[in-house]
All heavy atoms as atom14 arrays in JSON, in Angstrom:
{
  "sequence": "GTISQNEMQSKQKDLELEANALISLGGKVSA",
  "atom14_mask": [
    [1, 1, 1, 1, 0, 0, 0, 0, 0, 0, 0, 0, 0, 0],
    [1, 1, 1, 1, 1, 1, 1, 0, 0, 0, 0, 0, 0, 0],
    [1, 1, 1, 1, 1, 1, 1, 1, 0, 0, 0, 0, 0, 0],
    [1, 1, 1, 1, 1, 1, 0, 0, 0, 0, 0, 0, 0, 0],
    [1, 1, 1, 1, 1, 1, 1, 1, 1, 0, 0, 0, 0, 0],
    [1, 1, 1, 1, 1, 1, 1, 1, 0, 0, 0, 0, 0, 0],
    [1, 1, 1, 1, 1, 1, 1, 1, 1, 0, 0, 0, 0, 0],
    [1, 1, 1, 1, 1, 1, 1, 1, 0, 0, 0, 0, 0, 0],
    [1, 1, 1, 1, 1, 1, 1, 1, 1, 0, 0, 0, 0, 0],
    [1, 1, 1, 1, 1, 1, 0, 0, 0, 0, 0, 0, 0, 0],
    [1, 1, 1, 1, 1, 1, 1, 1, 1, 0, 0, 0, 0, 0],
    [1, 1, 1, 1, 1, 1, 1, 1, 1, 0, 0, 0, 0, 0],
    [1, 1, 1, 1, 1, 1, 1, 1, 1, 0, 0, 0, 0, 0],
    [1, 1, 1, 1, 1, 1, 1, 1, 0, 0, 0, 0, 0, 0],
    [1, 1, 1, 1, 1, 1, 1, 1, 0, 0, 0, 0, 0, 0],
    [1, 1, 1, 1, 1, 1, 1, 1, 1, 0, 0, 0, 0, 0],
    [1, 1, 1, 1, 1, 1, 1, 1, 0, 0, 0, 0, 0, 0],
    [1, 1, 1, 1, 1, 1, 1, 1, 1, 0, 0, 0, 0, 0],
    [1, 1, 1, 1, 1, 0, 0, 0, 0, 0, 0, 0, 0, 0],
    [1, 1, 1, 1, 1, 1, 1, 1, 0, 0, 0, 0, 0, 0],
    [1, 1, 1, 1, 1, 0, 0, 0, 0, 0, 0, 0, 0, 0],
    [1, 1, 1, 1, 1, 1, 1, 1, 0, 0, 0, 0, 0, 0],
    [1, 1, 1, 1, 1, 1, 1, 1, 0, 0, 0, 0, 0, 0],
    [1, 1, 1, 1, 1, 1, 0, 0, 0, 0, 0, 0, 0, 0],
    [1, 1, 1, 1, 1, 1, 1, 1, 0, 0, 0, 0, 0, 0],
    [1, 1, 1, 1, 0, 0, 0, 0, 0, 0, 0, 0, 0, 0],
    [1, 1, 1, 1, 0, 0, 0, 0, 0, 0, 0, 0, 0, 0],
    [1, 1, 1, 1, 1, 1, 1, 1, 1, 0, 0, 0, 0, 0],
    [1, 1, 1, 1, 1, 1, 1, 0, 0, 0, 0, 0, 0, 0],
    [1, 1, 1, 1, 1, 1, 0, 0, 0, 0, 0, 0, 0, 0],
    [1, 1, 1, 1, 1, 0, 0, 0, 0, 0, 0, 0, 0, 0]
  ],
  "atom14_positions": [
    [[26.53, -25.02, 12.73], [26.95, -24.31, 11.53], [25.79, -23.5, 10.96], [24.64, -23.71, 11.32], [0.0, 0.0, 0.0], [0.0, 0.0, 0.0], [0.0, 0.0, 0.0], [0.0, 0.0, 0.0], [0.0, 0.0, 0.0], [0.0, 0.0, 0.0], [0.0, 0.0, 0.0], [0.0, 0.0, 0.0], [0.0, 0.0, 0.0], [0.0, 0.0, 0.0]],
    [[26.12, -22.56, 10.1], [25.08, -21.67, 9.57], [25.11, -21.59, 8.04], [26.07, -22.01, 7.4], [25.24, -20.24, 10.14], [26.54, -19.77, 9.81], [25.04, -20.22, 11.65], [0.0, 0.0, 0.0], [0.0, 0.0, 0.0], [0.0, 0.0, 0.0], [0.0, 0.0, 0.0], [0.0, 0.0, 0.0], [0.0, 0.0, 0.0], [0.0, 0.0, 0.0]],
    [[24.03, -21.04, 7.5], [23.9, -20.77, 6.06], [23.65, -19.27, 5.93], [22.89, -18.69, 6.72], [22.7, -21.53, 5.44], [22.8, -23.03, 5.73], [22.6, -21.29, 3.95], [21.54, -23.8, 5.34], [0.0, 0.0, 0.0], [0.0, 0.0, 0.0], [0.0, 0.0, 0.0], [0.0, 0.0, 0.0], [0.0, 0.0, 0.0], [0.0, 0.0, 0.0]],
    [[24.27, -18.64, 4.94], [24.05, -17.2, 4.75], [22.61, -16.93, 4.32], [21.99, -17.76, 3.64], [25.03, -16.64, 3.71], [24.79, -17.26, 2.46], [0.0, 0.0, 0.0], [0.0, 0.0, 0.0], [0.0, 0.0, 0.0], [0.0, 0.0, 0.0], [0.0, 0.0, 0.0], [0.0, 0.0, 0.0], [0.0, 0.0, 0.0], [0.0, 0.0, 0.0]],
    [[22.1, -15.78, 4.74], [20.7, -15.43, 4.47], [20.36, -15.43, 2.98], [19.29, -15.85, 2.57], [20.38, -14.03, 5.05], [20.3, -13.99, 6.57], [19.19, -14.89, 7.14], [18.11, -14.97, 6.6], [19.49, -15.55, 8.25], [0.0, 0.0, 0.0], [0.0, 0.0, 0.0], [0.0, 0.0, 0.0], [0.0, 0.0, 0.0], [0.0, 0.0, 0.0]],
    [[21.3, -14.99, 2.15], [21.01, -14.91, 0.71], [20.98, -16.28, 0.04], [20.52, -16.41, -1.1], [22.01, -13.98, 0.0], [23.45, -14.47, 0.12], [23.75, -15.3, 0.96], [24.34, -13.94, -0.72], [0.0, 0.0, 0.0], [0.0, 0.0, 0.0], [0.0, 0.0, 0.0], [0.0, 0.0, 0.0], [0.0, 0.0, 0.0], [0.0, 0.0, 0.0]],
    [[21.45, -17.32, 0.75], [21.41, -18.69, 0.21], [20.2, -19.5, 0.72], [19.87, -20.54, 0.16], [22.67, -19.46, 0.63], [23.88, -19.24, -0.23], [24.94, -20.28, 0.11], [25.3, -20.4, 1.3], [25.39, -20.99, -0.81], [0.0, 0.0, 0.0], [0.0, 0.0, 0.0], [0.0, 0.0, 0.0], [0.0, 0.0, 0.0], [0.0, 0.0, 0.0]],
    [[19.59, -19.01, 1.78], [18.58, -19.78, 2.51], [17.47, -20.34, 1.63], [17.16, -21.53, 1.68], [17.98, -18.89, 3.61], [17.5, -19.64, 4.81], [18.82, -20.09, 5.93], [19.1, -18.56, 6.78], [0.0, 0.0, 0.0], [0.0, 0.0, 0.0], [0.0, 0.0, 0.0], [0.0, 0.0, 0.0], [0.0, 0.0, 0.0], [0.0, 0.0, 0.0]],
    [[16.88, -19.48, 0.8], [15.73, -19.91, 0.0], [16.12, -20.91, -1.08], [15.44, -21.92, -1.28], [15.05, -18.69, -0.64], [13.55, -18.9, -0.78], [12.81, -17.6, -1.03], [13.37, -16.52, -0.94], [11.53, -17.7, -1.34], [0.0, 0.0, 0.0], [0.0, 0.0, 0.0], [0.0, 0.0, 0.0], [0.0, 0.0, 0.0], [0.0, 0.0, 0.0]],
    [[17.26, -20.65, -1.73], [17.68, -21.57, -2.8], [18.1, -22.93, -2.23], [17.81, -23.98, -2.81], [18.83, -20.96, -3.61], [19.98, -20.79, -2.8], [0.0, 0.0, 0.0], [0.0, 0.0, 0.0], [0.0, 0.0, 0.0], [0.0, 0.0, 0.0], [0.0, 0.0, 0.0], [0.0, 0.0, 0.0], [0.0, 0.0, 0.0], [0.0, 0.0, 0.0]],
    [[18.75, -22.92, -1.05], [19.17, -24.18, -0.43], [17.97, -24.99, 0.07], [17.98, -26.22, 0.03], [20.15, -23.93, 0.73], [21.51, -23.4, 0.3], [22.23, -24.35, -0.65], [23.62, -23.84, -1.01], [24.27, -24.68, -2.06], [0.0, 0.0, 0.0], [0.0, 0.0, 0.0], [0.0, 0.0, 0.0], [0.0, 0.0, 0.0], [0.0, 0.0, 0.0]],
    [[16.94, -24.29, 0.52], [15.71, -24.97, 0.94], [15.11, -25.75, -0.23], [14.73, -26.91, -0.09], [14.7, -23.93, 1.46], [13.37, -24.53, 1.92], [12.39, -23.46, 2.38], [12.78, -22.46, 2.97], [11.12, -23.66, 2.1], [0.0, 0.0, 0.0], [0.0, 0.0, 0.0], [0.0, 0.0, 0.0], [0.0, 0.0, 0.0], [0.0, 0.0, 0.0]],
    [[15.07, -25.1, -1.39], [14.53, -25.73, -2.6], [15.43, -26.88, -3.06], [14.95, -27.97, -3.38], [14.42, -24.68, -3.71], [13.46, -25.05, -4.83], [13.33, -23.92, -5.85], [12.54, -22.75, -5.29], [12.38, -21.67, -6.3], [0.0, 0.0, 0.0], [0.0, 0.0, 0.0], [0.0, 0.0, 0.0], [0.0, 0.0, 0.0], [0.0, 0.0, 0.0]],
    [[16.75, -26.65, -3.04], [17.71, -27.68, -3.46], [17.62, -28.92, -2.57], [17.69, -30.06, -3.06], [19.15, -27.14, -3.4], [19.43, -26.07, -4.44], [18.6, -25.92, -5.37], [20.45, -25.38, -4.32], [0.0, 0.0, 0.0], [0.0, 0.0, 0.0], [0.0, 0.0, 0.0], [0.0, 0.0, 0.0], [0.0, 0.0, 0.0], [0.0, 0.0, 0.0]],
    [[17.48, -28.68, -1.25], [17.43, -29.79, -0.29], [16.19, -30.65, -0.53], [16.28, -31.89, -0.55], [17.43, -29.23, 1.14], [17.43, -30.25, 2.3], [18.63, -31.18, 2.2], [17.44, -29.52, 3.64], [0.0, 0.0, 0.0], [0.0, 0.0, 0.0], [0.0, 0.0, 0.0], [0.0, 0.0, 0.0], [0.0, 0.0, 0.0], [0.0, 0.0, 0.0]],
    [[15.07, -30.02, -0.74], [13.83, -30.76, -1.0], [13.93, -31.56, -2.31], [13.54, -32.73, -2.35], [12.66, -29.79, -1.07], [11.31, -30.48, -1.17], [10.14, -29.51, -1.15], [9.96, -28.81, -0.14], [9.42, -29.45, -2.16], [0.0, 0.0, 0.0], [0.0, 0.0, 0.0], [0.0, 0.0, 0.0], [0.0, 0.0, 0.0], [0.0, 0.0, 0.0]],
    [[14.47, -30.93, -3.35], [14.61, -31.62, -4.65], [15.55, -32.82, -4.54], [15.27, -33.88, -5.07], [15.13, -30.64, -5.71], [14.13, -29.62, -6.26], [14.85, -28.57, -7.1], [13.06, -30.32, -7.11], [0.0, 0.0, 0.0], [0.0, 0.0, 0.0], [0.0, 0.0, 0.0], [0.0, 0.0, 0.0], [0.0, 0.0, 0.0], [0.0, 0.0, 0.0]],
    [[16.68, -32.63, -3.84], [17.67, -33.71, -3.69], [17.09, -34.88, -2.89], [17.26, -36.05, -3.27], [18.92, -33.17, -2.99], [20.06, -34.17, -2.87], [20.65, -34.6, -4.21], [20.63, -33.81, -5.17], [21.12, -35.77, -4.29], [0.0, 0.0, 0.0], [0.0, 0.0, 0.0], [0.0, 0.0, 0.0], [0.0, 0.0, 0.0], [0.0, 0.0, 0.0]],
    [[16.38, -34.57, -1.81], [15.78, -35.62, -0.97], [14.75, -36.42, -1.77], [14.73, -37.65, -1.72], [15.14, -35.0, 0.26], [0.0, 0.0, 0.0], [0.0, 0.0, 0.0], [0.0, 0.0, 0.0], [0.0, 0.0, 0.0], [0.0, 0.0, 0.0], [0.0, 0.0, 0.0], [0.0, 0.0, 0.0], [0.0, 0.0, 0.0], [0.0, 0.0, 0.0]],
    [[13.9, -35.73, -2.5], [12.86, -36.43, -3.27], [13.42, -37.2, -4.45], [12.87, -38.23, -4.86], [11.77, -35.44, -3.69], [10.88, -35.04, -2.52], [10.48, -35.89, -1.73], [10.61, -33.76, -2.37], [0.0, 0.0, 0.0], [0.0, 0.0, 0.0], [0.0, 0.0, 0.0], [0.0, 0.0, 0.0], [0.0, 0.0, 0.0], [0.0, 0.0, 0.0]],
    [[14.56, -36.74, -4.98], [15.23, -37.49, -6.05], [15.75, -38.82, -5.5], [15.61, -39.88, -6.15], [16.39, -36.67, -6.63], [0.0, 0.0, 0.0], [0.0, 0.0, 0.0], [0.0, 0.0, 0.0], [0.0, 0.0, 0.0], [0.0, 0.0, 0.0], [0.0, 0.0, 0.0], [0.0, 0.0, 0.0], [0.0, 0.0, 0.0], [0.0, 0.0, 0.0]],
    [[16.31, -38.8, -4.29], [16.8, -40.04, -3.66], [15.63, -40.96, -3.3], [15.75, -42.19, -3.41], [17.63, -39.72, -2.42], [18.99, -39.07, -2.66], [19.69, -38.78, -1.34], [19.88, -39.94, -3.54], [0.0, 0.0, 0.0], [0.0, 0.0, 0.0], [0.0, 0.0, 0.0], [0.0, 0.0, 0.0], [0.0, 0.0, 0.0], [0.0, 0.0, 0.0]],
    [[14.51, -40.39, -2.88], [13.32, -41.18, -2.57], [12.82, -41.89, -3.82], [12.48, -43.08, -3.79], [12.21, -40.3, -1.95], [12.61, -39.88, -0.53], [10.88, -41.05, -1.91], [11.73, -38.79, 0.08], [0.0, 0.0, 0.0], [0.0, 0.0, 0.0], [0.0, 0.0, 0.0], [0.0, 0.0, 0.0], [0.0, 0.0, 0.0], [0.0, 0.0, 0.0]],
    [[12.81, -41.19, -4.94], [12.32, -41.8, -6.19], [13.25, -42.91, -6.68], [12.8, -43.88, -7.29], [12.14, -40.74, -7.28], [13.39, -40.18, -7.64], [0.0, 0.0, 0.0], [0.0, 0.0, 0.0], [0.0, 0.0, 0.0], [0.0, 0.0, 0.0], [0.0, 0.0, 0.0], [0.0, 0.0, 0.0], [0.0, 0.0, 0.0], [0.0, 0.0, 0.0]],
    [[14.54, -42.81, -6.37], [15.5, -43.87, -6.73], [15.33, -45.09, -5.84], [15.51, -46.23, -6.27], [16.94, -43.36, -6.61], [17.46, -42.45, -7.72], [18.83, -41.9, -7.34], [17.54, -43.2, -9.05], [0.0, 0.0, 0.0], [0.0, 0.0, 0.0], [0.0, 0.0, 0.0], [0.0, 0.0, 0.0], [0.0, 0.0, 0.0], [0.0, 0.0, 0.0]],
    [[14.99, -44.86, -4.56], [14.85, -45.95, -3.6], [16.19, -46.49, -3.14], [17.25, -46.03, -3.57], [0.0, 0.0, 0.0], [0.0, 0.0, 0.0], [0.0, 0.0, 0.0], [0.0, 0.0, 0.0], [0.0, 0.0, 0.0], [0.0, 0.0, 0.0], [0.0, 0.0, 0.0], [0.0, 0.0, 0.0], [0.0, 0.0, 0.0], [0.0, 0.0, 0.0]],
    [[16.15, -47.48, -2.28], [17.37, -48.08, -1.73], [17.07, -48.67, -0.37], [16.25, -48.14, 0.39], [0.0, 0.0, 0.0], [0.0, 0.0, 0.0], [0.0, 0.0, 0.0], [0.0, 0.0, 0.0], [0.0, 0.0, 0.0], [0.0, 0.0, 0.0], [0.0, 0.0, 0.0], [0.0, 0.0, 0.0], [0.0, 0.0, 0.0], [0.0, 0.0, 0.0]],
    [[17.74, -49.77, -0.06], [17.48, -50.48, 1.19], [17.9, -49.68, 2.41], [18.93, -49.0, 2.4], [18.23, -51.82, 1.16], [17.9, -52.73, 2.32], [18.78, -53.98, 2.31], [18.56, -54.8, 3.58], [19.56, -55.85, 3.76], [0.0, 0.0, 0.0], [0.0, 0.0, 0.0], [0.0, 0.0, 0.0], [0.0, 0.0, 0.0], [0.0, 0.0, 0.0]],
    [[17.09, -49.76, 3.47], [17.43, -49.18, 4.76], [17.68, -50.36, 5.72], [16.84, -51.24, 5.85], [16.3, -48.29, 5.3], [16.65, -47.73, 6.68], [16.02, -47.14, 4.32], [0.0, 0.0, 0.0], [0.0, 0.0, 0.0], [0.0, 0.0, 0.0], [0.0, 0.0, 0.0], [0.0, 0.0, 0.0], [0.0, 0.0, 0.0], [0.0, 0.0, 0.0]],
    [[18.85, -50.37, 6.34], [19.21, -51.52, 7.2], [19.65, -51.06, 8.58], [20.07, -49.91, 8.76], [20.34, -52.33, 6.55], [21.5, -51.51, 6.41], [0.0, 0.0, 0.0], [0.0, 0.0, 0.0], [0.0, 0.0, 0.0], [0.0, 0.0, 0.0], [0.0, 0.0, 0.0], [0.0, 0.0, 0.0], [0.0, 0.0, 0.0], [0.0, 0.0, 0.0]],
    [[19.53, -51.96, 9.54], [20.0, -51.69, 10.91], [20.76, -52.91, 11.4], [20.26, -54.03, 11.32], [18.82, -51.41, 11.83], [0.0, 0.0, 0.0], [0.0, 0.0, 0.0], [0.0, 0.0, 0.0], [0.0, 0.0, 0.0], [0.0, 0.0, 0.0], [0.0, 0.0, 0.0], [0.0, 0.0, 0.0], [0.0, 0.0, 0.0], [0.0, 0.0, 0.0]]
  ]
}
């Protein structure tokens, strides 16, 4: 799948912010 060029930069920023927000919340990782 693809992302439109005009969204690329904003989605890059959003993805990093969302990932780090989940990291700060924490949560168990299981296998």
